[in-house]
Every structure is written in structure tokens, then in C-alpha cells.
Amino acid sequence: MSVFLGVMQTNIMVTNIGAAKNWYSDVLQCKIEKDYGKTVVLSFGRGSPLGTLCLIQDKEAAGKNHSTYPVLQISRKYKGTLYDKLREKKVKVEEAPAHQSHFKFFDPDGNMLEAYSPGIYEES
């Protein structure tokens, strides 16, 4: 079993959440699944086997390095241990994440990835 189940979503930093939400829904015809104000989760329609897009308003990060990155879903087996396992392997990981089953980390070329285990915030 792999540590990850696959790409859960792709995060895209945007400067104007309203304009971005309209563009992705009107032009790309994505469906708005959840709207949290400064974060909007989009899908490609019911039953789509592909991951979602997550628009995040961040005027400082939009269009810069790491402004678009995949979120990999942690398998349940590794949700409580992955953070420490990556640190043991000398992987650069986000320092002091809000939750050890939701954090950013970097590959050897400096590409950012995010690890997330669905339901962790509902459990706490």
C-alpha cells in the first residue's frame, strides 16, 4: 500500500476569489462544491473520477513560486505517522503545521506538495 492514495485536489492561489470563481465556473464550467469565502472548492461535475480544484485567495502568493501545487491524500494507515517519517528521511517539511496529517513538503527540486487526510478536522 502506498503512503498516498492519489492527487486529491490542486490548489491554485488567486488574487481575487470572486473573479476567479466566476472564471472557473463560467469559462471552464467547473461546479462550485464549497464556498468558504476566501477558499472555493470546484469539481468537474458529479461522478467525475478526477480530483478537484481549490481556489485560495492569497494576493501575495498568486502567480509566484508555489502558487499551484497538488494535494496528495494520505492513506489512513499513514495519516498519523507520515510527517515524522518524511522528517526522518530528511525531506523538507513545513515546520509546526496545524495538524500532522495536513502539511506542506518539498521534493528535491523545491517543488511544493501538500499532504492531507480527509476528515481530520471533523475528528478533532
Protein backbone atom coordinates (compact mmCIF):
# COMPACT_ATOMS: atom_id res chain seq x y z
CA MET A 1 0.00 0.00 0.00
CA SER A 2 1.30 3.42 -0.94
CA VAL A 3 1.59 6.23 1.56
CA PHE A 4 -0.73 8.27 -0.69
CA LEU A 5 -3.99 7.34 -2.44
CA GLY A 6 -3.52 9.89 -5.24
CA VAL A 7 -3.99 13.55 -6.07
CA MET A 8 -6.99 14.75 -4.11
CA GLN A 9 -7.02 18.31 -5.41
CA THR A 10 -4.86 21.00 -6.92
CA ASN A 11 -4.59 24.29 -5.02
CA ILE A 12 -4.45 27.48 -7.09
CA MET A 13 -3.59 30.79 -5.43
CA VAL A 14 -5.61 33.71 -6.82
CA THR A 15 -5.65 37.45 -6.18
CA ASN A 16 -9.43 37.95 -6.44
CA ILE A 17 -11.54 34.99 -5.29
CA GLY A 18 -14.77 36.36 -6.79
CA ALA A 19 -13.30 36.90 -10.25
CA ALA A 20 -11.51 33.55 -10.15
CA LYS A 21 -14.64 31.71 -9.02
CA ASN A 22 -16.61 33.28 -11.88
CA TRP A 23 -13.91 32.48 -14.46
CA TYR A 24 -13.54 28.83 -13.44
CA SER A 25 -17.30 28.28 -13.29
CA ASP A 26 -18.23 30.28 -16.43
CA VAL A 27 -15.29 29.60 -18.74
CA LEU A 28 -14.23 26.10 -17.60
CA GLN A 29 -17.74 25.17 -16.41
CA CYS A 30 -16.50 23.80 -13.10
CA LYS A 31 -19.11 23.21 -10.40
CA ILE A 32 -18.77 25.09 -7.11
CA GLU A 33 -18.84 22.38 -4.44
CA LYS A 34 -17.99 24.50 -1.38
CA ASP A 35 -17.52 28.23 -0.91
CA TYR A 36 -15.76 29.25 2.29
CA GLY A 37 -15.28 32.89 1.29
CA LYS A 38 -11.55 33.06 0.58
CA THR A 39 -11.39 29.37 -0.40
CA VAL A 40 -13.60 27.80 -3.07
CA VAL A 41 -13.63 24.09 -3.94
CA LEU A 42 -14.54 23.27 -7.54
CA SER A 43 -15.31 19.95 -9.22
CA PHE A 44 -15.75 18.80 -12.78
CA GLY A 45 -19.31 17.62 -12.13
CA ARG A 46 -20.98 14.73 -10.37
CA GLY A 47 -19.34 11.38 -10.75
CA SER A 48 -16.07 12.78 -12.08
CA PRO A 49 -13.26 10.38 -11.14
CA LEU A 50 -10.77 13.23 -11.18
CA GLY A 51 -9.74 15.43 -8.25
CA THR A 52 -10.97 18.91 -7.53
CA LEU A 53 -9.52 22.38 -7.88
CA CYS A 54 -9.27 24.56 -4.79
CA LEU A 55 -9.04 28.32 -5.34
CA ILE A 56 -7.41 30.13 -2.42
CA GLN A 57 -7.27 33.92 -2.23
CA ASP A 58 -3.70 34.93 -1.42
CA LYS A 59 -2.65 38.18 -3.09
CA GLU A 60 0.98 37.71 -2.05
CA ALA A 61 1.39 34.16 -3.41
CA ALA A 62 -0.73 34.31 -6.58
CA GLY A 63 1.32 33.82 -9.72
CA LYS A 64 4.57 33.27 -7.82
CA ASN A 65 6.62 30.21 -6.96
CA HIS A 66 4.41 27.53 -5.35
CA SER A 67 1.18 29.26 -6.38
CA THR A 68 -0.14 25.99 -7.84
CA TYR A 69 0.54 22.63 -6.24
CA PRO A 70 -1.05 19.20 -5.79
CA VAL A 71 -2.63 18.00 -2.58
CA LEU A 72 -1.97 14.29 -2.06
CA GLN A 73 -4.40 12.27 0.02
CA ILE A 74 -2.65 10.38 2.83
CA SER A 75 -3.75 6.77 3.19
CA ARG A 76 -5.41 6.05 6.55
CA LYS A 77 -2.57 3.70 7.50
CA TYR A 78 -0.04 6.56 7.39
CA LYS A 79 -2.15 9.54 8.49
CA GLY A 80 -0.62 9.70 11.97
CA THR A 81 2.98 8.90 11.05
CA LEU A 82 3.77 10.36 7.62
CA TYR A 83 5.00 13.73 8.87
CA ASP A 84 7.61 12.13 11.14
CA LYS A 85 8.59 9.53 8.51
CA LEU A 86 9.31 12.28 5.96
CA ARG A 87 11.38 14.20 8.53
CA GLU A 88 13.36 11.04 9.30
CA LYS A 89 14.15 10.77 5.57
CA LYS A 90 15.45 14.37 5.62
CA VAL A 91 12.56 15.66 3.50
CA LYS A 92 11.98 19.40 3.91
CA VAL A 93 8.58 19.69 5.61
CA GLU A 94 6.53 22.61 6.89
CA GLU A 95 7.57 23.47 10.44
CA ALA A 96 4.88 23.21 13.13
CA PRO A 97 1.85 22.50 10.91
CA ALA A 98 -1.61 22.99 12.43
CA HIS A 99 -2.15 19.23 12.13
CA GLN A 100 0.39 16.45 11.50
CA SER A 101 -1.96 14.96 8.90
CA HIS A 102 -2.15 18.22 6.92
CA PHE A 103 1.15 19.81 5.93
CA LYS A 104 3.30 21.01 3.06
CA PHE A 105 6.55 19.37 2.00
CA PHE A 106 9.08 19.74 -0.83
CA ASP A 107 10.71 17.44 -3.35
CA PRO A 108 14.48 17.63 -4.06
CA ASP A 109 13.91 20.32 -6.71
CA GLY A 110 11.96 22.50 -4.28
CA ASN A 111 8.51 21.74 -5.74
CA MET A 112 5.85 22.09 -3.07
CA LEU A 113 3.33 19.34 -2.37
CA GLU A 114 0.69 19.17 0.33
CA ALA A 115 -0.33 16.08 2.31
CA TYR A 116 -3.85 15.82 3.71
CA SER A 117 -6.01 13.18 5.37
CA PRO A 118 -9.72 13.91 4.84
CA GLY A 119 -11.84 14.14 7.96
CA ILE A 120 -9.03 15.02 10.39
CA TYR A 121 -10.57 18.36 11.37
CA GLU A 122 -14.00 16.83 11.85
CA GLU A 123 -12.46 14.20 14.17
CA SER A 124 -10.92 16.79 16.49
